[in-house]
């Protein structure tokens, strides 16, 4: 298993994905991302879909489930380093417009 380091110089596992209990911290295949509570609630839903093997979910569903109806994913994750590195836009990855999922760094598209 390859190792890399996060922004603080801590070692992270390069071939695994893991998260804290509240999704405020995620290690995504060697890269650590931190999220505010709003972002973490969305990441938790994306993670659950990814684990079930159904990685693409609609923006409307995500916003409804997190009580952020009327918001847009790109605004929730504005300037976040996980945007389009971990969190994938479906329409940019051969999926339906308005869908989002988690994207492994080695595959270039969301995968389970």
PDB file of N, CA and C in Angstrom:
ATOM      1  N   UNK A   1       0.841  -1.173   0.000  1.00  0.00           N
ATOM      2  CA  UNK A   1       0.000   0.000   0.000  1.00  0.00           C
ATOM      3  C   UNK A   1       0.888   1.239   0.000  1.00  0.00           C
ATOM      4  N   UNK A   2       0.610   2.193  -0.825  1.00  0.00           N
ATOM      5  CA  UNK A   2       1.426   3.388  -0.883  1.00  0.00           C
ATOM      6  C   UNK A   2       1.037   4.361   0.214  1.00  0.00           C
ATOM      7  N   UNK A   3       2.005   5.169   0.636  1.00  0.00           N
ATOM      8  CA  UNK A   3       1.738   6.162   1.652  1.00  0.00           C
ATOM      9  C   UNK A   3       2.029   7.538   1.089  1.00  0.00           C
ATOM     10  N   UNK A   4       1.296   8.509   1.574  1.00  0.00           N
ATOM     11  CA  UNK A   4       1.566   9.897   1.248  1.00  0.00           C
ATOM     12  C   UNK A   4       1.310  10.702   2.508  1.00  0.00           C
ATOM     13  N   UNK A   5       1.443  12.000   2.430  1.00  0.00           N
ATOM     14  CA  UNK A   5       1.225  12.832   3.607  1.00  0.00           C
ATOM     15  C   UNK A   5       0.175  13.881   3.314  1.00  0.00           C
ATOM     16  N   UNK A   6      -0.490  14.326   4.380  1.00  0.00           N
ATOM     17  CA  UNK A   6      -1.479  15.385   4.230  1.00  0.00           C
ATOM     18  C   UNK A   6      -0.794  16.743   4.351  1.00  0.00           C
ATOM     19  N   UNK A   7      -1.586  17.802   4.368  1.00  0.00           N
ATOM     20  CA  UNK A   7      -1.047  19.153   4.421  1.00  0.00           C
ATOM     21  C   UNK A   7      -0.222  19.404   5.679  1.00  0.00           C
ATOM     22  N   UNK A   8      -0.504  18.681   6.757  1.00  0.00           N
ATOM     23  CA  UNK A   8       0.215  18.850   8.020  1.00  0.00           C
ATOM     24  C   UNK A   8       1.405  17.894   8.139  1.00  0.00           C
ATOM     25  N   UNK A   9       1.661  17.102   7.103  1.00  0.00           N
ATOM     26  CA  UNK A   9       2.785  16.195   7.104  1.00  0.00           C
ATOM     27  C   UNK A   9       2.510  14.844   7.736  1.00  0.00           C
ATOM     28  N   UNK A  10       1.253  14.551   8.084  1.00  0.00           N
ATOM     29  CA  UNK A  10       0.898  13.258   8.665  1.00  0.00           C
ATOM     30  C   UNK A  10       0.789  12.224   7.554  1.00  0.00           C
ATOM     31  N   UNK A  11       1.205  10.994   7.852  1.00  0.00           N
ATOM     32  CA  UNK A  11       1.120   9.921   6.866  1.00  0.00           C
ATOM     33  C   UNK A  11      -0.331   9.510   6.673  1.00  0.00           C
ATOM     34  N   UNK A  12      -0.701   9.250   5.426  1.00  0.00           N
ATOM     35  CA  UNK A  12      -2.023   8.742   5.085  1.00  0.00           C
ATOM     36  C   UNK A  12      -1.848   7.554   4.162  1.00  0.00           C
ATOM     37  N   UNK A  13      -2.781   6.648   4.167  1.00  0.00           N
ATOM     38  CA  UNK A  13      -2.733   5.483   3.290  1.00  0.00           C
ATOM     39  C   UNK A  13      -3.196   5.898   1.898  1.00  0.00           C
ATOM     40  N   UNK A  14      -2.439   5.547   0.881  1.00  0.00           N
ATOM     41  CA  UNK A  14      -2.736   5.982  -0.469  1.00  0.00           C
ATOM     42  C   UNK A  14      -3.782   5.181  -1.221  1.00  0.00           C
ATOM     43  N   UNK A  15      -4.112   3.984  -0.770  1.00  0.00           N
ATOM     44  CA  UNK A  15      -5.022   3.140  -1.523  1.00  0.00           C
ATOM     45  C   UNK A  15      -6.325   2.869  -0.791  1.00  0.00           C
ATOM     46  N   UNK A  16      -6.612   3.658   0.218  1.00  0.00           N
ATOM     47  CA  UNK A  16      -7.828   3.445   0.992  1.00  0.00           C
ATOM     48  C   UNK A  16      -8.610   4.741   1.137  1.00  0.00           C
ATOM     49  N   UNK A  17      -9.848   4.583   1.513  1.00  0.00           N
ATOM     50  CA  UNK A  17     -10.703   5.727   1.812  1.00  0.00           C
ATOM     51  C   UNK A  17     -11.299   5.497   3.189  1.00  0.00           C
ATOM     52  N   UNK A  18     -11.283   6.518   4.021  1.00  0.00           N
ATOM     53  CA  UNK A  18     -11.855   6.404   5.353  1.00  0.00           C
ATOM     54  C   UNK A  18     -12.367   7.775   5.782  1.00  0.00           C
ATOM     55  N   UNK A  19     -13.166   7.766   6.835  1.00  0.00           N
ATOM     56  CA  UNK A  19     -13.739   9.028   7.311  1.00  0.00           C
ATOM     57  C   UNK A  19     -13.921   8.981   8.812  1.00  0.00           C
ATOM     58  N   UNK A  20     -14.006  10.154   9.420  1.00  0.00           N
ATOM     59  CA  UNK A  20     -14.321  10.259  10.830  1.00  0.00           C
ATOM     60  C   UNK A  20     -15.811  10.037  11.047  1.00  0.00           C
ATOM     61  N   UNK A  21     -16.235   9.959  12.308  1.00  0.00           N
ATOM     62  CA  UNK A  21     -17.635   9.651  12.598  1.00  0.00           C
ATOM     63  C   UNK A  21     -18.625  10.686  12.086  1.00  0.00           C
ATOM     64  N   UNK A  22     -18.179  11.921  11.928  1.00  0.00           N
ATOM     65  CA  UNK A  22     -19.082  12.986  11.465  1.00  0.00           C
ATOM     66  C   UNK A  22     -18.745  13.493  10.065  1.00  0.00           C
ATOM     67  N   UNK A  23     -17.817  12.826   9.388  1.00  0.00           N
ATOM     68  CA  UNK A  23     -17.379  13.182   8.028  1.00  0.00           C
ATOM     69  C   UNK A  23     -16.723  14.564   7.955  1.00  0.00           C
ATOM     70  N   UNK A  24     -16.324  15.117   9.085  1.00  0.00           N
ATOM     71  CA  UNK A  24     -15.598  16.388   9.062  1.00  0.00           C
ATOM     72  C   UNK A  24     -14.191  16.196   8.509  1.00  0.00           C
ATOM     73  N   UNK A  25     -13.690  14.978   8.608  1.00  0.00           N
ATOM     74  CA  UNK A  25     -12.372  14.637   8.072  1.00  0.00           C
ATOM     75  C   UNK A  25     -12.495  13.360   7.262  1.00  0.00           C
ATOM     76  N   UNK A  26     -11.977  13.404   6.045  1.00  0.00           N
ATOM     77  CA  UNK A  26     -11.995  12.248   5.152  1.00  0.00           C
ATOM     78  C   UNK A  26     -10.595  12.058   4.584  1.00  0.00           C
ATOM     79  N   UNK A  27     -10.130  10.809   4.602  1.00  0.00           N
ATOM     80  CA  UNK A  27      -8.904  10.447   3.887  1.00  0.00           C
ATOM     81  C   UNK A  27      -9.373   9.769   2.609  1.00  0.00           C
ATOM     82  N   UNK A  28      -9.090  10.402   1.494  1.00  0.00           N
ATOM     83  CA  UNK A  28      -9.570   9.909   0.206  1.00  0.00           C
ATOM     84  C   UNK A  28      -8.384   9.477  -0.641  1.00  0.00           C
ATOM     85  N   UNK A  29      -8.055   8.190  -0.553  1.00  0.00           N
ATOM     86  CA  UNK A  29      -6.987   7.589  -1.347  1.00  0.00           C
ATOM     87  C   UNK A  29      -5.707   8.430  -1.293  1.00  0.00           C
ATOM     88  N   UNK A  30      -5.269   8.694  -0.059  1.00  0.00           N
ATOM     89  CA  UNK A  30      -4.001   9.377   0.144  1.00  0.00           C
ATOM     90  C   UNK A  30      -4.085  10.868   0.364  1.00  0.00           C
ATOM     91  N   UNK A  31      -5.247  11.434   0.263  1.00  0.00           N
ATOM     92  CA  UNK A  31      -5.388  12.881   0.446  1.00  0.00           C
ATOM     93  C   UNK A  31      -6.424  13.163   1.528  1.00  0.00           C
ATOM     94  N   UNK A  32      -6.058  14.026   2.468  1.00  0.00           N
ATOM     95  CA  UNK A  32      -6.986  14.390   3.529  1.00  0.00           C
ATOM     96  C   UNK A  32      -7.778  15.630   3.132  1.00  0.00           C
ATOM     97  N   UNK A  33      -9.085  15.545   3.344  1.00  0.00           N
ATOM     98  CA  UNK A  33      -9.970  16.683   3.146  1.00  0.00           C
ATOM     99  C   UNK A  33     -10.726  16.925   4.444  1.00  0.00           C
ATOM    100  N   UNK A  34     -10.960  18.173   4.778  1.00  0.00           N
ATOM    101  CA  UNK A  34     -11.808  18.511   5.915  1.00  0.00           C
ATOM    102  C   UNK A  34     -13.018  19.280   5.398  1.00  0.00           C
ATOM    103  N   UNK A  35     -14.146  19.105   6.096  1.00  0.00           N
ATOM    104  CA  UNK A  35     -15.409  19.679   5.653  1.00  0.00           C
ATOM    105  C   UNK A  35     -16.117  20.367   6.810  1.00  0.00           C
ATOM    106  N   UNK A  36     -16.821  21.455   6.491  1.00  0.00           N
ATOM    107  CA  UNK A  36     -17.676  22.063   7.507  1.00  0.00           C
ATOM    108  C   UNK A  36     -18.914  21.177   7.671  1.00  0.00           C
ATOM    109  N   UNK A  37     -19.762  21.480   8.640  1.00  0.00           N
ATOM    110  CA  UNK A  37     -20.890  20.592   8.936  1.00  0.00           C
ATOM    111  C   UNK A  37     -21.847  20.454   7.751  1.00  0.00           C
ATOM    112  N   UNK A  38     -22.051  21.524   7.028  1.00  0.00           N
ATOM    113  CA  UNK A  38     -22.940  21.470   5.859  1.00  0.00           C
ATOM    114  C   UNK A  38     -22.367  20.547   4.794  1.00  0.00           C
ATOM    115  N   UNK A  39     -21.102  20.728   4.481  1.00  0.00           N
ATOM    116  CA  UNK A  39     -20.440  19.896   3.486  1.00  0.00           C
ATOM    117  C   UNK A  39     -20.370  18.443   3.940  1.00  0.00           C
ATOM    118  N   UNK A  40     -20.076  18.228   5.223  1.00  0.00           N
ATOM    119  CA  UNK A  40     -19.948  16.873   5.760  1.00  0.00           C
ATOM    120  C   UNK A  40     -21.246  16.090   5.618  1.00  0.00           C
ATOM    121  N   UNK A  41     -22.383  16.751   5.806  1.00  0.00           N
ATOM    122  CA  UNK A  41     -23.661  16.042   5.667  1.00  0.00           C
ATOM    123  C   UNK A  41     -23.880  15.586   4.235  1.00  0.00           C
ATOM    124  N   UNK A  42     -23.447  16.365   3.261  1.00  0.00           N
ATOM    125  CA  UNK A  42     -23.553  15.968   1.856  1.00  0.00           C
ATOM    126  C   UNK A  42     -22.575  14.831   1.555  1.00  0.00           C
ATOM    127  N   UNK A  43     -21.347  14.951   2.044  1.00  0.00           N
ATOM    128  CA  UNK A  43     -20.345  13.904   1.816  1.00  0.00           C
ATOM    129  C   UNK A  43     -20.814  12.575   2.407  1.00  0.00           C
ATOM    130  N   UNK A  44     -21.457  12.600   3.565  1.00  0.00           N
ATOM    131  CA  UNK A  44     -21.968  11.367   4.175  1.00  0.00           C
ATOM    132  C   UNK A  44     -22.970  10.667   3.257  1.00  0.00           C
ATOM    133  N   UNK A  45     -23.845  11.432   2.618  1.00  0.00           N
ATOM    134  CA  UNK A  45     -24.821  10.853   1.686  1.00  0.00           C
ATOM    135  C   UNK A  45     -24.138  10.305   0.437  1.00  0.00           C
ATOM    136  N   UNK A  46     -23.171  11.051  -0.097  1.00  0.00           N
ATOM    137  CA  UNK A  46     -22.431  10.573  -1.265  1.00  0.00           C
ATOM    138  C   UNK A  46     -21.666   9.295  -0.933  1.00  0.00           C
ATOM    139  N   UNK A  47     -21.107   9.237   0.260  1.00  0.00           N
ATOM    140  CA  UNK A  47     -20.345   8.062   0.698  1.00  0.00           C
ATOM    141  C   UNK A  47     -21.254   6.841   0.790  1.00  0.00           C
ATOM    142  N   UNK A  48     -22.428   7.020   1.377  1.00  0.00           N
ATOM    143  CA  UNK A  48     -23.379   5.909   1.521  1.00  0.00           C
ATOM    144  C   UNK A  48     -23.774   5.361   0.149  1.00  0.00           C
ATOM    145  N   UNK A  49     -24.022   6.249  -0.805  1.00  0.00           N
ATOM    146  CA  UNK A  49     -24.372   5.807  -2.163  1.00  0.00           C
ATOM    147  C   UNK A  49     -23.197   5.080  -2.808  1.00  0.00           C
ATOM    148  N   UNK A  50     -21.998   5.599  -2.626  1.00  0.00           N
ATOM    149  CA  UNK A  50     -20.782   4.994  -3.176  1.00  0.00           C
ATOM    150  C   UNK A  50     -20.595   3.584  -2.622  1.00  0.00           C
ATOM    151  N   UNK A  51     -20.780   3.428  -1.306  1.00  0.00           N
ATOM    152  CA  UNK A  51     -20.622   2.112  -0.684  1.00  0.00           C
ATOM    153  C   UNK A  51     -21.664   1.103  -1.171  1.00  0.00           C
ATOM    154  N   UNK A  52     -22.854   1.581  -1.518  1.00  0.00           N
ATOM    155  CA  UNK A  52     -23.916   0.699  -2.009  1.00  0.00           C
ATOM    156  C   UNK A  52     -23.717   0.302  -3.466  1.00  0.00           C
ATOM    157  N   UNK A  53     -22.751   0.919  -4.140  1.00  0.00           N
ATOM    158  CA  UNK A  53     -22.525   0.608  -5.548  1.00  0.00           C
ATOM    159  C   UNK A  53     -23.415   1.405  -6.484  1.00  0.00           C
ATOM    160  N   UNK A  54     -24.068   2.428  -5.961  1.00  0.00           N
ATOM    161  CA  UNK A  54     -24.911   3.325  -6.770  1.00  0.00           C
ATOM    162  C   UNK A  54     -24.389   4.744  -6.557  1.00  0.00           C
ATOM    163  N   UNK A  55     -23.227   5.062  -7.127  1.00  0.00           N
ATOM    164  CA  UNK A  55     -22.512   6.275  -6.756  1.00  0.00           C
ATOM    165  C   UNK A  55     -23.107   7.601  -7.219  1.00  0.00           C
ATOM    166  N   UNK A  56     -23.989   7.592  -8.186  1.00  0.00           N
ATOM    167  CA  UNK A  56     -24.502   8.850  -8.728  1.00  0.00           C
ATOM    168  C   UNK A  56     -25.876   9.156  -8.141  1.00  0.00           C
ATOM    169  N   UNK A  57     -25.996  10.331  -7.519  1.00  0.00           N
ATOM    170  CA  UNK A  57     -27.267  10.765  -6.937  1.00  0.00           C
ATOM    171  C   UNK A  57     -27.558  12.189  -7.391  1.00  0.00           C
ATOM    172  N   UNK A  58     -28.831  12.547  -7.375  1.00  0.00           N
ATOM    173  CA  UNK A  58     -29.214  13.865  -7.888  1.00  0.00           C
ATOM    174  C   UNK A  58     -28.934  14.973  -6.871  1.00  0.00           C
ATOM    175  N   UNK A  59     -28.641  16.119  -7.403  1.00  0.00           N
ATOM    176  CA  UNK A  59     -28.435  17.309  -6.582  1.00  0.00           C
ATOM    177  C   UNK A  59     -29.697  17.617  -5.768  1.00  0.00           C
ATOM    178  N   UNK A  60     -30.866  17.488  -6.397  1.00  0.00           N
ATOM    179  CA  UNK A  60     -32.126  17.769  -5.699  1.00  0.00           C
ATOM    180  C   UNK A  60     -32.289  16.867  -4.481  1.00  0.00           C
ATOM    181  N   UNK A  61     -31.992  15.574  -4.643  1.00  0.00           N
ATOM    182  CA  UNK A  61     -32.094  14.635  -3.524  1.00  0.00           C
ATOM    183  C   UNK A  61     -31.113  14.985  -2.413  1.00  0.00           C
ATOM    184  N   UNK A  62     -29.874  15.301  -2.787  1.00  0.00           N
ATOM    185  CA  UNK A  62     -28.865  15.670  -1.793  1.00  0.00           C
ATOM    186  C   UNK A  62     -29.294  16.901  -0.999  1.00  0.00           C
ATOM    187  N   UNK A  63     -29.801  17.907  -1.700  1.00  0.00           N
ATOM    188  CA  UNK A  63     -30.191  19.143  -1.024  1.00  0.00           C
ATOM    189  C   UNK A  63     -31.431  18.923  -0.152  1.00  0.00           C
ATOM    190  N   UNK A  64     -32.346  18.075  -0.613  1.00  0.00           N
ATOM    191  CA  UNK A  64     -33.536  17.773   0.180  1.00  0.00           C
ATOM    192  C   UNK A  64     -33.160  17.018   1.459  1.00  0.00           C
ATOM    193  N   UNK A  65     -32.319  16.009   1.335  1.00  0.00           N
ATOM    194  CA  UNK A  65     -31.943  15.176   2.480  1.00  0.00           C
ATOM    195  C   UNK A  65     -31.126  15.940   3.511  1.00  0.00           C
ATOM    196  N   UNK A  66     -30.450  16.991   3.101  1.00  0.00           N
ATOM    197  CA  UNK A  66     -29.627  17.765   4.030  1.00  0.00           C
ATOM    198  C   UNK A  66     -30.305  19.072   4.442  1.00  0.00           C
ATOM    199  N   UNK A  67     -31.567  19.240   4.063  1.00  0.00           N
ATOM    200  CA  UNK A  67     -32.335  20.457   4.385  1.00  0.00           C
ATOM    201  C   UNK A  67     -31.713  21.722   3.805  1.00  0.00           C
ATOM    202  N   UNK A  68     -31.067  21.583   2.655  1.00  0.00           N
ATOM    203  CA  UNK A  68     -30.492  22.727   1.954  1.00  0.00           C
ATOM    204  C   UNK A  68     -31.194  22.969   0.630  1.00  0.00           C
ATOM    205  N   UNK A  69     -32.485  22.655   0.577  1.00  0.00           N
ATOM    206  CA  UNK A  69     -33.248  22.851  -0.660  1.00  0.00           C
ATOM    207  C   UNK A  69     -33.066  24.282  -1.148  1.00  0.00           C
ATOM    208  N   UNK A  70     -32.919  24.415  -2.444  1.00  0.00           N
ATOM    209  CA  UNK A  70     -32.688  25.719  -3.043  1.00  0.00           C
ATOM    210  C   UNK A  70     -31.212  26.036  -3.195  1.00  0.00           C
ATOM    211  N   UNK A  71     -30.349  25.234  -2.562  1.00  0.00           N
ATOM    212  CA  UNK A  71     -28.909  25.419  -2.695  1.00  0.00           C
ATOM    213  C   UNK A  71     -28.404  24.602  -3.875  1.00  0.00           C
ATOM    214  N   UNK A  72     -27.198  24.904  -4.282  1.00  0.00           N
ATOM    215  CA  UNK A  72     -26.561  24.153  -5.364  1.00  0.00           C
ATOM    216  C   UNK A  72     -25.261  23.562  -4.851  1.00  0.00           C
ATOM    217  N   UNK A  73     -24.921  22.388  -5.350  1.00  0.00           N
ATOM    218  CA  UNK A  73     -23.695  21.713  -4.924  1.00  0.00           C
ATOM    219  C   UNK A  73     -22.467  22.592  -5.127  1.00  0.00           C
ATOM    220  N   UNK A  74     -22.404  23.259  -6.261  1.00  0.00           N
ATOM    221  CA  UNK A  74     -21.208  24.056  -6.523  1.00  0.00           C
ATOM    222  C   UNK A  74     -21.071  25.208  -5.528  1.00  0.00           C
ATOM    223  N   UNK A  75     -22.182  25.642  -4.941  1.00  0.00           N
ATOM    224  CA  UNK A  75     -22.110  26.683  -3.914  1.00  0.00           C
ATOM    225  C   UNK A  75     -21.736  26.094  -2.556  1.00  0.00           C
ATOM    226  N   UNK A  76     -22.251  24.912  -2.238  1.00  0.00           N
ATOM    227  CA  UNK A  76     -21.919  24.247  -0.979  1.00  0.00           C
ATOM    228  C   UNK A  76     -20.414  23.972  -0.910  1.00  0.00           C
ATOM    229  N   UNK A  77     -19.813  23.613  -2.046  1.00  0.00           N
ATOM    230  CA  UNK A  77     -18.394  23.258  -2.087  1.00  0.00           C
ATOM    231  C   UNK A  77     -17.542  24.307  -2.805  1.00  0.00           C
ATOM    232  N   UNK A  78     -17.996  25.532  -2.831  1.00  0.00           N
ATOM    233  CA  UNK A  78     -17.271  26.612  -3.514  1.00  0.00           C
ATOM    234  C   UNK A  78     -15.811  26.678  -3.044  1.00  0.00           C
ATOM    235  N   UNK A  79     -14.896  26.576  -3.999  1.00  0.00           N
ATOM    236  CA  UNK A  79     -13.445  26.662  -3.777  1.00  0.00           C
ATOM    237  C   UNK A  79     -12.897  25.580  -2.844  1.00  0.00           C
ATOM    238  N   UNK A  80     -13.639  24.507  -2.638  1.00  0.00           N
ATOM    239  CA  UNK A  80     -13.151  23.421  -1.783  1.00  0.00           C
ATOM    240  C   UNK A  80     -12.214  22.524  -2.586  1.00  0.00           C
ATOM    241  N   UNK A  81     -11.093  22.111  -2.012  1.00  0.00           N
ATOM    242  CA  UNK A  81     -10.154  21.267  -2.770  1.00  0.00           C
ATOM    243  C   UNK A  81     -10.707  19.887  -3.161  1.00  0.00           C
ATOM    244  N   UNK A  82     -11.767  19.426  -2.502  1.00  0.00           N
ATOM    245  CA  UNK A  82     -12.351  18.123  -2.854  1.00  0.00           C
ATOM    246  C   UNK A  82     -13.236  18.197  -4.094  1.00  0.00           C
ATOM    247  N   UNK A  83     -13.647  19.396  -4.488  1.00  0.00           N
ATOM    248  CA  UNK A  83     -14.532  19.564  -5.637  1.00  0.00           C
ATOM    249  C   UNK A  83     -13.795  19.127  -6.899  1.00  0.00           C
ATOM    250  N   UNK A  84     -14.356  18.191  -7.607  1.00  0.00           N
ATOM    251  CA  UNK A  84     -13.825  17.599  -8.832  1.00  0.00           C
ATOM    252  C   UNK A  84     -12.508  16.850  -8.627  1.00  0.00           C
ATOM    253  N   UNK A  85     -12.156  16.593  -7.364  1.00  0.00           N
ATOM    254  CA  UNK A  85     -11.057  15.674  -7.043  1.00  0.00           C
ATOM    255  C   UNK A  85     -11.637  14.447  -6.354  1.00  0.00           C
ATOM    256  N   UNK A  86     -12.509  14.689  -5.387  1.00  0.00           N
ATOM    257  CA  UNK A  86     -13.211  13.614  -4.690  1.00  0.00           C
ATOM    258  C   UNK A  86     -14.689  13.635  -5.064  1.00  0.00           C
ATOM    259  N   UNK A  87     -15.254  14.814  -5.120  1.00  0.00           N
ATOM    260  CA  UNK A  87     -16.671  14.988  -5.453  1.00  0.00           C
ATOM    261  C   UNK A  87     -16.774  15.276  -6.944  1.00  0.00           C
ATOM    262  N   UNK A  88     -17.419  14.360  -7.653  1.00  0.00           N
ATOM    263  CA  UNK A  88     -17.471  14.426  -9.110  1.00  0.00           C
ATOM    264  C   UNK A  88     -18.815  14.943  -9.603  1.00  0.00           C
ATOM    265  N   UNK A  89     -18.761  15.718 -10.663  1.00  0.00           N
ATOM    266  CA  UNK A  89     -19.949  16.211 -11.347  1.00  0.00           C
ATOM    267  C   UNK A  89     -20.332  15.169 -12.398  1.00  0.00           C
ATOM    268  N   UNK A  90     -21.525  14.626 -12.280  1.00  0.00           N
ATOM    269  CA  UNK A  90     -21.950  13.550 -13.174  1.00  0.00           C
ATOM    270  C   UNK A  90     -21.827  13.890 -14.649  1.00  0.00           C
ATOM    271  N   UNK A  91     -22.285  15.073 -15.034  1.00  0.00           N
ATOM    272  CA  UNK A  91     -22.284  15.435 -16.457  1.00  0.00           C
ATOM    273  C   UNK A  91     -20.874  15.562 -17.026  1.00  0.00           C
ATOM    274  N   UNK A  92     -19.862  15.709 -16.188  1.00  0.00           N
ATOM    275  CA  UNK A  92     -18.478  15.771 -16.657  1.00  0.00           C
ATOM    276  C   UNK A  92     -17.838  14.390 -16.679  1.00  0.00           C
ATOM    277  N   UNK A  93     -18.618  13.384 -16.265  1.00  0.00           N
ATOM    278  CA  UNK A  93     -18.104  12.019 -16.187  1.00  0.00           C
ATOM    279  C   UNK A  93     -19.025  11.024 -16.874  1.00  0.00           C
ATOM    280  N   UNK A  94     -19.726  11.472 -17.892  1.00  0.00           N
ATOM    281  CA  UNK A  94     -20.569  10.584 -18.676  1.00  0.00           C
ATOM    282  C   UNK A  94     -21.869  10.181 -17.999  1.00  0.00           C
ATOM    283  N   UNK A  95     -22.278  10.904 -16.983  1.00  0.00           N
ATOM    284  CA  UNK A  95     -23.505  10.591 -16.254  1.00  0.00           C
ATOM    285  C   UNK A  95     -24.534  11.696 -16.505  1.00  0.00           C
ATOM    286  N   UNK A  96     -25.697  11.540 -15.913  1.00  0.00           N
ATOM    287  CA  UNK A  96     -26.786  12.491 -16.124  1.00  0.00           C
ATOM    288  C   UNK A  96     -26.457  13.870 -15.543  1.00  0.00           C
ATOM    289  N   UNK A  97     -26.969  14.890 -16.217  1.00  0.00           N
ATOM    290  CA  UNK A  97     -26.846  16.259 -15.727  1.00  0.00           C
ATOM    291  C   UNK A  97     -27.533  16.357 -14.370  1.00  0.00           C
ATOM    292  N   UNK A  98     -26.921  17.062 -13.434  1.00  0.00           N
ATOM    293  CA  UNK A  98     -27.514  17.250 -12.113  1.00  0.00           C
ATOM    294  C   UNK A  98     -27.248  16.125 -11.145  1.00  0.00           C
ATOM    295  N   UNK A  99     -26.329  15.207 -11.505  1.00  0.00           N
ATOM    296  CA  UNK A  99     -25.958  14.141 -10.587  1.00  0.00           C
ATOM    297  C   UNK A  99     -24.534  14.359 -10.095  1.00  0.00           C
ATOM    298  N   UNK A 100     -24.255  13.774  -8.923  1.00  0.00           N
ATOM    299  CA  UNK A 100     -22.950  13.907  -8.281  1.00  0.00           C
ATOM    300  C   UNK A 100     -22.590  12.592  -7.636  1.00  0.00           C
ATOM    301  N   UNK A 101     -21.307  12.365  -7.484  1.00  0.00           N
ATOM    302  CA  UNK A 101     -20.831  11.150  -6.847  1.00  0.00           C
ATOM    303  C   UNK A 101     -19.413  11.331  -6.357  1.00  0.00           C
ATOM    304  N   UNK A 102     -18.869  10.282  -5.762  1.00  0.00           N
ATOM    305  CA  UNK A 102     -17.477  10.294  -5.329  1.00  0.00           C
ATOM    306  C   UNK A 102     -16.621   9.692  -6.428  1.00  0.00           C
ATOM    307  N   UNK A 103     -15.443  10.269  -6.626  1.00  0.00           N
ATOM    308  CA  UNK A 103     -14.572   9.880  -7.729  1.00  0.00           C
ATOM    309  C   UNK A 103     -13.227   9.423  -7.185  1.00  0.00           C
ATOM    310  N   UNK A 104     -12.885   8.169  -7.467  1.00  0.00           N
ATOM    311  CA  UNK A 104     -11.552   7.683  -7.107  1.00  0.00           C
ATOM    312  C   UNK A 104     -10.520   8.406  -7.967  1.00  0.00           C
ATOM    313  N   UNK A 105      -9.395   8.763  -7.390  1.00  0.00           N
ATOM    314  CA  UNK A 105      -8.390   9.488  -8.166  1.00  0.00           C
ATOM    315  C   UNK A 105      -7.782   8.679  -9.300  1.00  0.00           C
ATOM    316  N   UNK A 106      -7.823   7.352  -9.220  1.00  0.00           N
ATOM    317  CA  UNK A 106      -7.188   6.517 -10.229  1.00  0.00           C
ATOM    318  C   UNK A 106      -8.104   6.119 -11.384  1.00  0.00           C
ATOM    319  N   UNK A 107      -9.382   6.514 -11.321  1.00  0.00           N
ATOM    320  CA  UNK A 107     -10.268   6.061 -12.393  1.00  0.00           C
ATOM    321  C   UNK A 107     -10.853   7.203 -13.208  1.00  0.00           C
ATOM    322  N   UNK A 108     -10.812   8.424 -12.695  1.00  0.00           N
ATOM    323  CA  UNK A 108     -11.298   9.546 -13.463  1.00  0.00           C
ATOM    324  C   UNK A 108     -12.809   9.667 -13.504  1.00  0.00           C
ATOM    325  N   UNK A 109     -13.527   8.789 -12.819  1.00  0.00           N
ATOM    326  CA  UNK A 109     -14.977   8.918 -12.750  1.00  0.00           C
ATOM    327  C   UNK A 109     -15.459   8.231 -11.485  1.00  0.00           C
ATOM    328  N   UNK A 110     -16.654   8.563 -11.048  1.00  0.00           N
ATOM    329  CA  UNK A 110     -17.214   7.953  -9.844  1.00  0.00           C
ATOM    330  C   UNK A 110     -17.327   6.453 -10.028  1.00  0.00           C
ATOM    331  N   UNK A 111     -16.988   5.723  -8.983  1.00  0.00           N
ATOM    332  CA  UNK A 111     -17.048   4.269  -9.073  1.00  0.00           C
ATOM    333  C   UNK A 111     -17.331   3.706  -7.693  1.00  0.00           C
ATOM    334  N   UNK A 112     -17.905   2.550  -7.655  1.00  0.00           N
ATOM    335  CA  UNK A 112     -18.191   1.927  -6.365  1.00  0.00           C
ATOM    336  C   UNK A 112     -17.080   1.004  -5.942  1.00  0.00           C
TER     337      UNK A 112
END
